[in-house]
Amino acid sequence: TTGAALENWERAWTGSPSGLLRPALLGDGAVRVLEIRDETGTPRGGAVLHRGAEAVGISHVWASTGEAAVRDTAVAHAATTGLPLVGYE
């Protein structure tokens, strides 16, 4: 993932790139930015996972359609760590 891809992710999430998610985030091995795309490659959902010592935090969850797909992808990814998944809505 690149800074430009992160900007596109944020644009799809908020409608415009606000710079909330900084490209330096991509270099953090404890952070995963998830994206679900449709058949045309257009982002349709995403989430940010942050692995801590005792849990994986989930934030910035969004979906234009099919929120269950985003949630299921995040849960599956977090499950590979063996840590609980925590978040808020």
PDB file of N, CA and C in Angstrom:
ATOM      1  N   THR A   1       0.842  -1.185   0.000  1.00  0.00           N
ATOM      2  CA  THR A   1       0.000   0.000   0.000  1.00  0.00           C
ATOM      3  C   THR A   1       0.880   1.238   0.000  1.00  0.00           C
ATOM      4  N   THR A   2       0.464   2.221  -0.726  1.00  0.00           N
ATOM      5  CA  THR A   2       1.221   3.466  -0.841  1.00  0.00           C
ATOM      6  C   THR A   2       0.454   4.615  -0.200  1.00  0.00           C
ATOM      7  N   GLY A   3       1.125   5.757  -0.070  1.00  0.00           N
ATOM      8  CA  GLY A   3       0.457   6.952   0.433  1.00  0.00           C
ATOM      9  C   GLY A   3      -0.718   7.345  -0.441  1.00  0.00           C
ATOM     10  N   ALA A   4      -0.559   7.202  -1.761  1.00  0.00           N
ATOM     11  CA  ALA A   4      -1.652   7.536  -2.686  1.00  0.00           C
ATOM     12  C   ALA A   4      -2.831   6.586  -2.494  1.00  0.00           C
ATOM     13  N   ALA A   5      -2.537   5.307  -2.279  1.00  0.00           N
ATOM     14  CA  ALA A   5      -3.608   4.339  -2.051  1.00  0.00           C
ATOM     15  C   ALA A   5      -4.336   4.642  -0.744  1.00  0.00           C
ATOM     16  N   LEU A   6      -3.584   5.063   0.280  1.00  0.00           N
ATOM     17  CA  LEU A   6      -4.203   5.431   1.549  1.00  0.00           C
ATOM     18  C   LEU A   6      -5.094   6.662   1.373  1.00  0.00           C
ATOM     19  N   GLU A   7      -4.648   7.594   0.567  1.00  0.00           N
ATOM     20  CA  GLU A   7      -5.449   8.788   0.272  1.00  0.00           C
ATOM     21  C   GLU A   7      -6.744   8.397  -0.442  1.00  0.00           C
ATOM     22  N   ASN A   8      -6.659   7.464  -1.388  1.00  0.00           N
ATOM     23  CA  ASN A   8      -7.857   6.981  -2.087  1.00  0.00           C
ATOM     24  C   ASN A   8      -8.802   6.272  -1.124  1.00  0.00           C
ATOM     25  N   TRP A   9      -8.230   5.503  -0.188  1.00  0.00           N
ATOM     26  CA  TRP A   9      -9.019   4.802   0.822  1.00  0.00           C
ATOM     27  C   TRP A   9      -9.798   5.819   1.648  1.00  0.00           C
ATOM     28  N   GLU A  10      -9.098   6.865   2.088  1.00  0.00           N
ATOM     29  CA  GLU A  10      -9.733   7.893   2.908  1.00  0.00           C
ATOM     30  C   GLU A  10     -10.791   8.669   2.113  1.00  0.00           C
ATOM     31  N   ARG A  11     -10.533   8.906   0.845  1.00  0.00           N
ATOM     32  CA  ARG A  11     -11.514   9.591  -0.008  1.00  0.00           C
ATOM     33  C   ARG A  11     -12.791   8.750  -0.123  1.00  0.00           C
ATOM     34  N   ALA A  12     -12.626   7.452  -0.291  1.00  0.00           N
ATOM     35  CA  ALA A  12     -13.794   6.576  -0.389  1.00  0.00           C
ATOM     36  C   ALA A  12     -14.551   6.529   0.941  1.00  0.00           C
ATOM     37  N   TRP A  13     -13.825   6.633   2.056  1.00  0.00           N
ATOM     38  CA  TRP A  13     -14.430   6.576   3.388  1.00  0.00           C
ATOM     39  C   TRP A  13     -15.161   7.871   3.733  1.00  0.00           C
ATOM     40  N   THR A  14     -14.499   9.024   3.521  1.00  0.00           N
ATOM     41  CA  THR A  14     -15.047  10.294   4.002  1.00  0.00           C
ATOM     42  C   THR A  14     -15.567  11.215   2.906  1.00  0.00           C
ATOM     43  N   GLY A  15     -15.239  10.909   1.662  1.00  0.00           N
ATOM     44  CA  GLY A  15     -15.647  11.773   0.561  1.00  0.00           C
ATOM     45  C   GLY A  15     -14.546  12.710   0.106  1.00  0.00           C
ATOM     46  N   SER A  16     -13.507  12.857   0.931  1.00  0.00           N
ATOM     47  CA  SER A  16     -12.344  13.667   0.541  1.00  0.00           C
ATOM     48  C   SER A  16     -11.170  13.275   1.432  1.00  0.00           C
ATOM     49  N   PRO A  17      -9.961  13.354   0.906  1.00  0.00           N
ATOM     50  CA  PRO A  17      -8.807  13.020   1.744  1.00  0.00           C
ATOM     51  C   PRO A  17      -8.552  14.140   2.753  1.00  0.00           C
ATOM     52  N   SER A  18      -8.699  13.833   4.035  1.00  0.00           N
ATOM     53  CA  SER A  18      -8.519  14.857   5.064  1.00  0.00           C
ATOM     54  C   SER A  18      -7.143  14.791   5.701  1.00  0.00           C
ATOM     55  N   GLY A  19      -6.379  13.766   5.388  1.00  0.00           N
ATOM     56  CA  GLY A  19      -5.062  13.619   5.990  1.00  0.00           C
ATOM     57  C   GLY A  19      -5.111  13.035   7.387  1.00  0.00           C
ATOM     58  N   LEU A  20      -6.274  12.531   7.792  1.00  0.00           N
ATOM     59  CA  LEU A  20      -6.401  11.924   9.109  1.00  0.00           C
ATOM     60  C   LEU A  20      -5.471  10.720   9.242  1.00  0.00           C
ATOM     61  N   LEU A  21      -5.429   9.899   8.210  1.00  0.00           N
ATOM     62  CA  LEU A  21      -4.554   8.729   8.210  1.00  0.00           C
ATOM     63  C   LEU A  21      -3.275   9.090   7.469  1.00  0.00           C
ATOM     64  N   ARG A  22      -2.188   9.149   8.175  1.00  0.00           N
ATOM     65  CA  ARG A  22      -0.900   9.566   7.610  1.00  0.00           C
ATOM     66  C   ARG A  22      -0.182   8.392   6.947  1.00  0.00           C
ATOM     67  N   PRO A  23       0.559   8.632   5.854  1.00  0.00           N
ATOM     68  CA  PRO A  23       1.304   7.572   5.181  1.00  0.00           C
ATOM     69  C   PRO A  23       2.286   6.841   6.100  1.00  0.00           C
ATOM     70  N   ALA A  24       2.801   7.507   7.144  1.00  0.00           N
ATOM     71  CA  ALA A  24       3.718   6.851   8.083  1.00  0.00           C
ATOM     72  C   ALA A  24       3.050   5.659   8.764  1.00  0.00           C
ATOM     73  N   LEU A  25       1.732   5.687   8.838  1.00  0.00           N
ATOM     74  CA  LEU A  25       0.975   4.587   9.416  1.00  0.00           C
ATOM     75  C   LEU A  25       1.273   3.278   8.691  1.00  0.00           C
ATOM     76  N   LEU A  26       1.525   3.369   7.400  1.00  0.00           N
ATOM     77  CA  LEU A  26       1.769   2.179   6.584  1.00  0.00           C
ATOM     78  C   LEU A  26       3.074   1.488   6.947  1.00  0.00           C
ATOM     79  N   GLY A  27       4.005   2.215   7.568  1.00  0.00           N
ATOM     80  CA  GLY A  27       5.279   1.631   7.967  1.00  0.00           C
ATOM     81  C   GLY A  27       5.246   0.981   9.335  1.00  0.00           C
ATOM     82  N   ASP A  28       4.122   1.089  10.031  1.00  0.00           N
ATOM     83  CA  ASP A  28       3.979   0.512  11.365  1.00  0.00           C
ATOM     84  C   ASP A  28       3.536  -0.937  11.220  1.00  0.00           C
ATOM     85  N   GLY A  29       4.383  -1.869  11.598  1.00  0.00           N
ATOM     86  CA  GLY A  29       4.083  -3.287  11.455  1.00  0.00           C
ATOM     87  C   GLY A  29       2.897  -3.765  12.275  1.00  0.00           C
ATOM     88  N   ALA A  30       2.463  -2.972  13.251  1.00  0.00           N
ATOM     89  CA  ALA A  30       1.329  -3.351  14.086  1.00  0.00           C
ATOM     90  C   ALA A  30      -0.003  -2.885  13.495  1.00  0.00           C
ATOM     91  N   VAL A  31       0.051  -2.149  12.392  1.00  0.00           N
ATOM     92  CA  VAL A  31      -1.164  -1.581  11.796  1.00  0.00           C
ATOM     93  C   VAL A  31      -1.451  -2.234  10.448  1.00  0.00           C
ATOM     94  N   ARG A  32      -2.719  -2.558  10.223  1.00  0.00           N
ATOM     95  CA  ARG A  32      -3.169  -3.066   8.931  1.00  0.00           C
ATOM     96  C   ARG A  32      -4.357  -2.232   8.483  1.00  0.00           C
ATOM     97  N   VAL A  33      -4.280  -1.727   7.269  1.00  0.00           N
ATOM     98  CA  VAL A  33      -5.398  -1.002   6.673  1.00  0.00           C
ATOM     99  C   VAL A  33      -6.072  -1.969   5.707  1.00  0.00           C
ATOM    100  N   LEU A  34      -7.305  -2.333   6.008  1.00  0.00           N
ATOM    101  CA  LEU A  34      -8.046  -3.282   5.179  1.00  0.00           C
ATOM    102  C   LEU A  34      -8.948  -2.538   4.215  1.00  0.00           C
ATOM    103  N   GLU A  35      -9.086  -3.100   3.020  1.00  0.00           N
ATOM    104  CA  GLU A  35      -9.951  -2.498   2.010  1.00  0.00           C
ATOM    105  C   GLU A  35     -10.664  -3.594   1.252  1.00  0.00           C
ATOM    106  N   ILE A  36     -11.942  -3.406   1.033  1.00  0.00           N
ATOM    107  CA  ILE A  36     -12.727  -4.310   0.200  1.00  0.00           C
ATOM    108  C   ILE A  36     -13.122  -3.539  -1.046  1.00  0.00           C
ATOM    109  N   ARG A  37     -12.862  -4.152  -2.199  1.00  0.00           N
ATOM    110  CA  ARG A  37     -13.173  -3.510  -3.485  1.00  0.00           C
ATOM    111  C   ARG A  37     -14.223  -4.314  -4.229  1.00  0.00           C
ATOM    112  N   ASP A  38     -14.956  -3.618  -5.091  1.00  0.00           N
ATOM    113  CA  ASP A  38     -15.911  -4.319  -5.938  1.00  0.00           C
ATOM    114  C   ASP A  38     -15.192  -4.849  -7.175  1.00  0.00           C
ATOM    115  N   GLU A  39     -15.953  -5.431  -8.080  1.00  0.00           N
ATOM    116  CA  GLU A  39     -15.360  -6.058  -9.269  1.00  0.00           C
ATOM    117  C   GLU A  39     -14.653  -5.065 -10.188  1.00  0.00           C
ATOM    118  N   THR A  40     -14.931  -3.780 -10.044  1.00  0.00           N
ATOM    119  CA  THR A  40     -14.257  -2.769 -10.870  1.00  0.00           C
ATOM    120  C   THR A  40     -13.010  -2.205 -10.190  1.00  0.00           C
ATOM    121  N   GLY A  41     -12.757  -2.646  -8.950  1.00  0.00           N
ATOM    122  CA  GLY A  41     -11.606  -2.140  -8.209  1.00  0.00           C
ATOM    123  C   GLY A  41     -11.908  -0.926  -7.355  1.00  0.00           C
ATOM    124  N   THR A  42     -13.177  -0.512  -7.317  1.00  0.00           N
ATOM    125  CA  THR A  42     -13.579   0.640  -6.514  1.00  0.00           C
ATOM    126  C   THR A  42     -13.679   0.240  -5.048  1.00  0.00           C
ATOM    127  N   PRO A  43     -13.060   0.998  -4.135  1.00  0.00           N
ATOM    128  CA  PRO A  43     -13.173   0.682  -2.707  1.00  0.00           C
ATOM    129  C   PRO A  43     -14.628   0.758  -2.246  1.00  0.00           C
ATOM    130  N   ARG A  44     -15.074  -0.275  -1.542  1.00  0.00           N
ATOM    131  CA  ARG A  44     -16.451  -0.321  -1.048  1.00  0.00           C
ATOM    132  C   ARG A  44     -16.528  -0.466   0.464  1.00  0.00           C
ATOM    133  N   GLY A  45     -15.386  -0.625   1.114  1.00  0.00           N
ATOM    134  CA  GLY A  45     -15.386  -0.741   2.563  1.00  0.00           C
ATOM    135  C   GLY A  45     -13.977  -0.889   3.075  1.00  0.00           C
ATOM    136  N   GLY A  46     -13.819  -0.662   4.364  1.00  0.00           N
ATOM    137  CA  GLY A  46     -12.498  -0.800   4.944  1.00  0.00           C
ATOM    138  C   GLY A  46     -12.520  -0.690   6.454  1.00  0.00           C
ATOM    139  N   ALA A  47     -11.361  -0.905   7.030  1.00  0.00           N
ATOM    140  CA  ALA A  47     -11.174  -0.805   8.475  1.00  0.00           C
ATOM    141  C   ALA A  47      -9.683  -0.691   8.738  1.00  0.00           C
ATOM    142  N   VAL A  48      -9.352  -0.210   9.923  1.00  0.00           N
ATOM    143  CA  VAL A  48      -7.961  -0.155  10.358  1.00  0.00           C
ATOM    144  C   VAL A  48      -7.831  -1.050  11.582  1.00  0.00           C
ATOM    145  N   LEU A  49      -6.852  -1.955  11.544  1.00  0.00           N
ATOM    146  CA  LEU A  49      -6.560  -2.830  12.674  1.00  0.00           C
ATOM    147  C   LEU A  49      -5.235  -2.413  13.278  1.00  0.00           C
ATOM    148  N   HIS A  50      -5.167  -2.403  14.607  1.00  0.00           N
ATOM    149  CA  HIS A  50      -3.927  -2.068  15.309  1.00  0.00           C
ATOM    150  C   HIS A  50      -3.672  -3.144  16.356  1.00  0.00           C
ATOM    151  N   ARG A  51      -2.582  -3.884  16.169  1.00  0.00           N
ATOM    152  CA  ARG A  51      -2.234  -4.964  17.081  1.00  0.00           C
ATOM    153  C   ARG A  51      -1.486  -4.407  18.285  1.00  0.00           C
ATOM    154  N   GLY A  52      -2.012  -4.670  19.457  1.00  0.00           N
ATOM    155  CA  GLY A  52      -1.352  -4.298  20.699  1.00  0.00           C
ATOM    156  C   GLY A  52      -0.824  -5.550  21.382  1.00  0.00           C
ATOM    157  N   ALA A  53      -0.339  -5.405  22.589  1.00  0.00           N
ATOM    158  CA  ALA A  53       0.212  -6.545  23.322  1.00  0.00           C
ATOM    159  C   ALA A  53      -0.860  -7.558  23.709  1.00  0.00           C
ATOM    160  N   GLU A  54      -2.081  -7.074  23.984  1.00  0.00           N
ATOM    161  CA  GLU A  54      -3.109  -7.970  24.494  1.00  0.00           C
ATOM    162  C   GLU A  54      -4.375  -8.044  23.646  1.00  0.00           C
ATOM    163  N   ALA A  55      -4.454  -7.244  22.586  1.00  0.00           N
ATOM    164  CA  ALA A  55      -5.662  -7.242  21.757  1.00  0.00           C
ATOM    165  C   ALA A  55      -5.370  -6.579  20.417  1.00  0.00           C
ATOM    166  N   VAL A  56      -6.270  -6.807  19.474  1.00  0.00           N
ATOM    167  CA  VAL A  56      -6.240  -6.112  18.186  1.00  0.00           C
ATOM    168  C   VAL A  56      -7.399  -5.125  18.201  1.00  0.00           C
ATOM    169  N   GLY A  57      -7.089  -3.843  18.039  1.00  0.00           N
ATOM    170  CA  GLY A  57      -8.122  -2.816  18.000  1.00  0.00           C
ATOM    171  C   GLY A  57      -8.605  -2.606  16.578  1.00  0.00           C
ATOM    172  N   ILE A  58      -9.882  -2.366  16.427  1.00  0.00           N
ATOM    173  CA  ILE A  58     -10.452  -2.085  15.110  1.00  0.00           C
ATOM    174  C   ILE A  58     -11.090  -0.696  15.150  1.00  0.00           C
ATOM    175  N   SER A  59     -10.817   0.089  14.122  1.00  0.00           N
ATOM    176  CA  SER A  59     -11.368   1.442  14.040  1.00  0.00           C
ATOM    177  C   SER A  59     -11.569   1.810  12.580  1.00  0.00           C
ATOM    178  N   HIS A  60     -12.158   2.973  12.367  1.00  0.00           N
ATOM    179  CA  HIS A  60     -12.362   3.513  11.021  1.00  0.00           C
ATOM    180  C   HIS A  60     -13.061   2.503  10.108  1.00  0.00           C
ATOM    181  N   VAL A  61     -14.054   1.815  10.661  1.00  0.00           N
ATOM    182  CA  VAL A  61     -14.811   0.825   9.885  1.00  0.00           C
ATOM    183  C   VAL A  61     -15.849   1.560   9.044  1.00  0.00           C
ATOM    184  N   TRP A  62     -15.884   1.250   7.765  1.00  0.00           N
ATOM    185  CA  TRP A  62     -16.863   1.875   6.876  1.00  0.00           C
ATOM    186  C   TRP A  62     -17.201   0.920   5.745  1.00  0.00           C
ATOM    187  N   ALA A  63     -18.369   1.103   5.188  1.00  0.00           N
ATOM    188  CA  ALA A  63     -18.792   0.311   4.034  1.00  0.00           C
ATOM    189  C   ALA A  63     -19.864   1.071   3.280  1.00  0.00           C
ATOM    190  N   SER A  64     -19.721   1.102   1.973  1.00  0.00           N
ATOM    191  CA  SER A  64     -20.774   1.716   1.165  1.00  0.00           C
ATOM    192  C   SER A  64     -21.925   0.736   0.999  1.00  0.00           C
ATOM    193  N   THR A  65     -21.612  -0.542   0.967  1.00  0.00           N
ATOM    194  CA  THR A  65     -22.613  -1.610   0.953  1.00  0.00           C
ATOM    195  C   THR A  65     -21.974  -2.838   1.577  1.00  0.00           C
ATOM    196  N   GLY A  66     -22.766  -3.692   2.156  1.00  0.00           N
ATOM    197  CA  GLY A  66     -22.262  -4.963   2.663  1.00  0.00           C
ATOM    198  C   GLY A  66     -21.307  -4.848   3.835  1.00  0.00           C
ATOM    199  N   GLU A  67     -21.713  -4.149   4.896  1.00  0.00           N
ATOM    200  CA  GLU A  67     -20.831  -3.972   6.047  1.00  0.00           C
ATOM    201  C   GLU A  67     -20.376  -5.307   6.627  1.00  0.00           C
ATOM    202  N   ALA A  68     -21.177  -6.335   6.488  1.00  0.00           N
ATOM    203  CA  ALA A  68     -20.806  -7.643   7.016  1.00  0.00           C
ATOM    204  C   ALA A  68     -19.504  -8.135   6.400  1.00  0.00           C
ATOM    205  N   ALA A  69     -19.279  -7.846   5.133  1.00  0.00           N
ATOM    206  CA  ALA A  69     -18.042  -8.276   4.478  1.00  0.00           C
ATOM    207  C   ALA A  69     -16.831  -7.610   5.114  1.00  0.00           C
ATOM    208  N   VAL A  70     -16.940  -6.335   5.459  1.00  0.00           N
ATOM    209  CA  VAL A  70     -15.837  -5.625   6.115  1.00  0.00           C
ATOM    210  C   VAL A  70     -15.590  -6.229   7.484  1.00  0.00           C
ATOM    211  N   ARG A  71     -16.651  -6.420   8.241  1.00  0.00           N
ATOM    212  CA  ARG A  71     -16.525  -6.984   9.585  1.00  0.00           C
ATOM    213  C   ARG A  71     -15.911  -8.380   9.523  1.00  0.00           C
ATOM    214  N   ASP A  72     -16.398  -9.214   8.623  1.00  0.00           N
ATOM    215  CA  ASP A  72     -15.893 -10.578   8.515  1.00  0.00           C
ATOM    216  C   ASP A  72     -14.421 -10.603   8.128  1.00  0.00           C
ATOM    217  N   THR A  73     -14.022  -9.717   7.228  1.00  0.00           N
ATOM    218  CA  THR A  73     -12.617  -9.639   6.823  1.00  0.00           C
ATOM    219  C   THR A  73     -11.747  -9.217   7.994  1.00  0.00           C
ATOM    220  N   ALA A  74     -12.194  -8.227   8.751  1.00  0.00           N
ATOM    221  CA  ALA A  74     -11.430  -7.757   9.911  1.00  0.00           C
ATOM    222  C   ALA A  74     -11.309  -8.847  10.965  1.00  0.00           C
ATOM    223  N   VAL A  75     -12.397  -9.543  11.234  1.00  0.00           N
ATOM    224  CA  VAL A  75     -12.375 -10.615  12.225  1.00  0.00           C
ATOM    225  C   VAL A  75     -11.432 -11.728  11.776  1.00  0.00           C
ATOM    226  N   ALA A  76     -11.493 -12.098  10.511  1.00  0.00           N
ATOM    227  CA  ALA A  76     -10.618 -13.150   9.997  1.00  0.00           C
ATOM    228  C   ALA A  76      -9.150 -12.748  10.103  1.00  0.00           C
ATOM    229  N   HIS A  77      -8.842 -11.517   9.757  1.00  0.00           N
ATOM    230  CA  HIS A  77      -7.457 -11.053   9.836  1.00  0.00           C
ATOM    231  C   HIS A  77      -6.988 -11.016  11.287  1.00  0.00           C
ATOM    232  N   ALA A  78      -7.816 -10.486  12.173  1.00  0.00           N
ATOM    233  CA  ALA A  78      -7.446 -10.395  13.585  1.00  0.00           C
ATOM    234  C   ALA A  78      -7.280 -11.782  14.197  1.00  0.00           C
ATOM    235  N   ALA A  79      -8.060 -12.747  13.731  1.00  0.00           N
ATOM    236  CA  ALA A  79      -7.986 -14.099  14.278  1.00  0.00           C
ATOM    237  C   ALA A  79      -6.620 -14.733  14.064  1.00  0.00           C
ATOM    238  N   THR A  80      -5.899 -14.299  13.059  1.00  0.00           N
ATOM    239  CA  THR A  80      -4.577 -14.873  12.799  1.00  0.00           C
ATOM    240  C   THR A  80      -3.567 -14.495  13.873  1.00  0.00           C
ATOM    241  N   THR A  81      -3.876 -13.505  14.698  1.00  0.00           N
ATOM    242  CA  THR A  81      -2.960 -13.081  15.758  1.00  0.00           C
ATOM    243  C   THR A  81      -3.165 -13.868  17.037  1.00  0.00           C
ATOM    244  N   GLY A  82      -4.328 -14.503  17.193  1.00  0.00           N
ATOM    245  CA  GLY A  82      -4.645 -15.198  18.427  1.00  0.00           C
ATOM    246  C   GLY A  82      -5.056 -14.258  19.549  1.00  0.00           C
ATOM    247  N   LEU A  83      -5.242 -12.987  19.236  1.00  0.00           N
ATOM    248  CA  LEU A  83      -5.622 -11.985  20.233  1.00  0.00           C
ATOM    249  C   LEU A  83      -7.089 -11.607  20.069  1.00  0.00           C
ATOM    250  N   PRO A  84      -7.746 -11.146  21.146  1.00  0.00           N
ATOM    251  CA  PRO A  84      -9.124 -10.679  21.015  1.00  0.00           C
ATOM    252  C   PRO A  84      -9.210  -9.430  20.143  1.00  0.00           C
ATOM    253  N   LEU A  85     -10.329  -9.269  19.474  1.00  0.00           N
ATOM    254  CA  LEU A  85     -10.604  -8.088  18.654  1.00  0.00           C
ATOM    255  C   LEU A  85     -11.487  -7.153  19.468  1.00  0.00           C
ATOM    256  N   VAL A  86     -11.060  -5.888  19.606  1.00  0.00           N
ATOM    257  CA  VAL A  86     -11.825  -4.917  20.391  1.00  0.00           C
ATOM    258  C   VAL A  86     -12.056  -3.661  19.570  1.00  0.00           C
ATOM    259  N   GLY A  87     -13.158  -2.978  19.836  1.00  0.00           N
ATOM    260  CA  GLY A  87     -13.460  -1.747  19.120  1.00  0.00           C
ATOM    261  C   GLY A  87     -14.679  -1.093  19.719  1.00  0.00           C
ATOM    262  N   TYR A  88     -15.159  -0.086  19.053  1.00  0.00           N
ATOM    263  CA  TYR A  88     -16.344   0.627  19.497  1.00  0.00           C
ATOM    264  C   TYR A  88     -17.079   1.147  18.275  1.00  0.00           C
ATOM    265  N   GLU A  89     -18.336   1.485  18.455  1.00  0.00           N
ATOM    266  CA  GLU A  89     -19.120   2.079  17.376  1.00  0.00           C
ATOM    267  C   GLU A  89     -19.764   3.340  17.860  1.00  0.00           C
TER     268      GLU A  89
END
